[in-house]
Amino acid sequence: MTRLGEHGVPDEVWEPAAKAFTEEELANLLVAIATINVWNRLSIAARNQPPTEV
């Protein structure tokens, strides 16, 4: 979902996901992916470095 082609998500990617998840689960998955993508882009733009220790 973070690298969409001109026509969106290809059927060969979407169809297995649609079989594995309910519509509500797909919606939640899309929101989770979008949220992670936004945080990653903000972190990159702010030049944040990952922690050296966990």
N, C-alpha and C. Protein backbone atom coordinates (compact mmCIF):
# COMPACT_ATOMS: atom_id res chain seq x y z
N MET A 1 0.81 -1.19 0.00
CA MET A 1 0.00 0.00 0.00
C MET A 1 0.86 1.26 0.00
N THR A 2 2.08 1.16 0.44
CA THR A 2 2.92 2.36 0.48
C THR A 2 3.53 2.68 -0.88
N ARG A 3 3.57 1.72 -1.78
CA ARG A 3 4.10 1.94 -3.13
C ARG A 3 3.04 1.49 -4.12
N LEU A 4 2.11 2.37 -4.42
CA LEU A 4 1.01 2.03 -5.31
C LEU A 4 1.38 2.29 -6.76
N GLY A 5 0.93 1.42 -7.62
CA GLY A 5 1.10 1.64 -9.04
C GLY A 5 0.05 2.62 -9.55
N GLU A 6 0.05 2.83 -10.83
CA GLU A 6 -0.88 3.78 -11.44
C GLU A 6 -2.34 3.39 -11.20
N HIS A 7 -2.61 2.09 -11.08
CA HIS A 7 -3.98 1.62 -10.93
C HIS A 7 -4.28 1.06 -9.55
N GLY A 8 -3.51 1.45 -8.56
CA GLY A 8 -3.75 1.00 -7.19
C GLY A 8 -3.13 -0.35 -6.90
N VAL A 9 -3.69 -1.04 -5.93
CA VAL A 9 -3.18 -2.34 -5.52
C VAL A 9 -3.57 -3.38 -6.57
N PRO A 10 -2.62 -4.14 -7.09
CA PRO A 10 -2.95 -5.15 -8.09
C PRO A 10 -3.89 -6.23 -7.53
N ASP A 11 -4.72 -6.78 -8.38
CA ASP A 11 -5.67 -7.82 -7.97
C ASP A 11 -4.96 -9.02 -7.34
N GLU A 12 -3.78 -9.38 -7.85
CA GLU A 12 -3.08 -10.54 -7.31
C GLU A 12 -2.56 -10.29 -5.89
N VAL A 13 -2.54 -9.06 -5.46
CA VAL A 13 -2.18 -8.72 -4.08
C VAL A 13 -3.45 -8.57 -3.24
N TRP A 14 -4.45 -7.89 -3.79
CA TRP A 14 -5.67 -7.61 -3.04
C TRP A 14 -6.50 -8.86 -2.77
N GLU A 15 -6.67 -9.71 -3.77
CA GLU A 15 -7.57 -10.85 -3.64
C GLU A 15 -7.20 -11.81 -2.51
N PRO A 16 -5.93 -12.21 -2.35
CA PRO A 16 -5.60 -13.07 -1.22
C PRO A 16 -5.85 -12.39 0.13
N ALA A 17 -5.59 -11.09 0.20
CA ALA A 17 -5.85 -10.36 1.45
C ALA A 17 -7.34 -10.33 1.74
N ALA A 18 -8.16 -10.11 0.71
CA ALA A 18 -9.61 -10.06 0.89
C ALA A 18 -10.17 -11.42 1.31
N LYS A 19 -9.51 -12.50 0.91
CA LYS A 19 -9.94 -13.84 1.33
C LYS A 19 -9.52 -14.14 2.76
N ALA A 20 -8.40 -13.57 3.19
CA ALA A 20 -7.85 -13.86 4.52
C ALA A 20 -8.46 -13.00 5.62
N PHE A 21 -8.98 -11.81 5.27
CA PHE A 21 -9.48 -10.86 6.26
C PHE A 21 -10.90 -10.45 5.95
N THR A 22 -11.67 -10.11 7.00
CA THR A 22 -12.99 -9.54 6.80
C THR A 22 -12.84 -8.10 6.31
N GLU A 23 -13.94 -7.50 5.88
CA GLU A 23 -13.87 -6.09 5.44
C GLU A 23 -13.39 -5.19 6.57
N GLU A 24 -13.86 -5.43 7.77
CA GLU A 24 -13.43 -4.61 8.92
C GLU A 24 -11.95 -4.81 9.21
N GLU A 25 -11.48 -6.05 9.14
CA GLU A 25 -10.06 -6.32 9.36
C GLU A 25 -9.19 -5.68 8.27
N LEU A 26 -9.66 -5.73 7.02
CA LEU A 26 -8.93 -5.07 5.94
C LEU A 26 -8.85 -3.57 6.18
N ALA A 27 -9.95 -2.97 6.60
CA ALA A 27 -9.96 -1.54 6.88
C ALA A 27 -8.98 -1.21 8.00
N ASN A 28 -8.98 -2.02 9.06
CA ASN A 28 -8.04 -1.80 10.17
C ASN A 28 -6.60 -1.98 9.72
N LEU A 29 -6.36 -2.95 8.86
CA LEU A 29 -5.02 -3.17 8.34
C LEU A 29 -4.56 -1.99 7.50
N LEU A 30 -5.43 -1.47 6.65
CA LEU A 30 -5.09 -0.31 5.83
C LEU A 30 -4.77 0.91 6.69
N VAL A 31 -5.56 1.13 7.74
CA VAL A 31 -5.30 2.26 8.64
C VAL A 31 -3.97 2.07 9.37
N ALA A 32 -3.67 0.85 9.80
CA ALA A 32 -2.39 0.58 10.48
C ALA A 32 -1.22 0.84 9.53
N ILE A 33 -1.32 0.35 8.29
CA ILE A 33 -0.26 0.57 7.31
C ILE A 33 -0.07 2.05 7.04
N ALA A 34 -1.17 2.77 6.86
CA ALA A 34 -1.09 4.20 6.58
C ALA A 34 -0.47 4.95 7.76
N THR A 35 -0.83 4.58 8.98
CA THR A 35 -0.29 5.23 10.17
C THR A 35 1.23 5.00 10.29
N ILE A 36 1.65 3.77 10.09
CA ILE A 36 3.08 3.46 10.14
C ILE A 36 3.83 4.23 9.06
N ASN A 37 3.24 4.30 7.87
CA ASN A 37 3.86 5.02 6.76
C ASN A 37 4.03 6.51 7.10
N VAL A 38 3.01 7.11 7.70
CA VAL A 38 3.10 8.53 8.07
C VAL A 38 4.20 8.74 9.10
N TRP A 39 4.25 7.90 10.13
CA TRP A 39 5.28 8.06 11.17
C TRP A 39 6.68 7.87 10.59
N ASN A 40 6.83 6.92 9.69
CA ASN A 40 8.14 6.72 9.04
C ASN A 40 8.54 7.95 8.24
N ARG A 41 7.60 8.49 7.46
CA ARG A 41 7.91 9.66 6.64
C ARG A 41 8.23 10.89 7.50
N LEU A 42 7.50 11.08 8.60
CA LEU A 42 7.80 12.19 9.51
C LEU A 42 9.17 12.02 10.14
N SER A 43 9.49 10.81 10.53
CA SER A 43 10.79 10.55 11.14
C SER A 43 11.92 10.82 10.17
N ILE A 44 11.74 10.39 8.92
CA ILE A 44 12.77 10.64 7.90
C ILE A 44 12.91 12.13 7.63
N ALA A 45 11.78 12.83 7.52
CA ALA A 45 11.82 14.27 7.25
C ALA A 45 12.49 15.03 8.39
N ALA A 46 12.29 14.57 9.63
CA ALA A 46 12.88 15.23 10.79
C ALA A 46 14.31 14.75 11.05
N ARG A 47 14.79 13.85 10.21
CA ARG A 47 16.15 13.30 10.32
C ARG A 47 16.40 12.62 11.66
N ASN A 48 15.38 11.97 12.19
CA ASN A 48 15.54 11.20 13.44
C ASN A 48 16.36 9.95 13.17
N GLN A 49 17.22 9.61 14.09
CA GLN A 49 18.02 8.40 14.00
C GLN A 49 17.41 7.33 14.90
N PRO A 50 17.45 6.09 14.48
CA PRO A 50 16.93 5.02 15.34
C PRO A 50 17.77 4.94 16.61
N PRO A 51 17.18 4.47 17.70
CA PRO A 51 17.95 4.35 18.94
C PRO A 51 19.10 3.35 18.78
N THR A 52 20.21 3.61 19.46
CA THR A 52 21.35 2.70 19.37
C THR A 52 21.17 1.52 20.34
N GLU A 53 20.34 1.71 21.37
CA GLU A 53 20.07 0.65 22.34
C GLU A 53 18.57 0.50 22.48
N VAL A 54 18.16 -0.74 22.69
CA VAL A 54 16.73 -1.00 22.85
C VAL A 54 16.46 -1.37 24.28
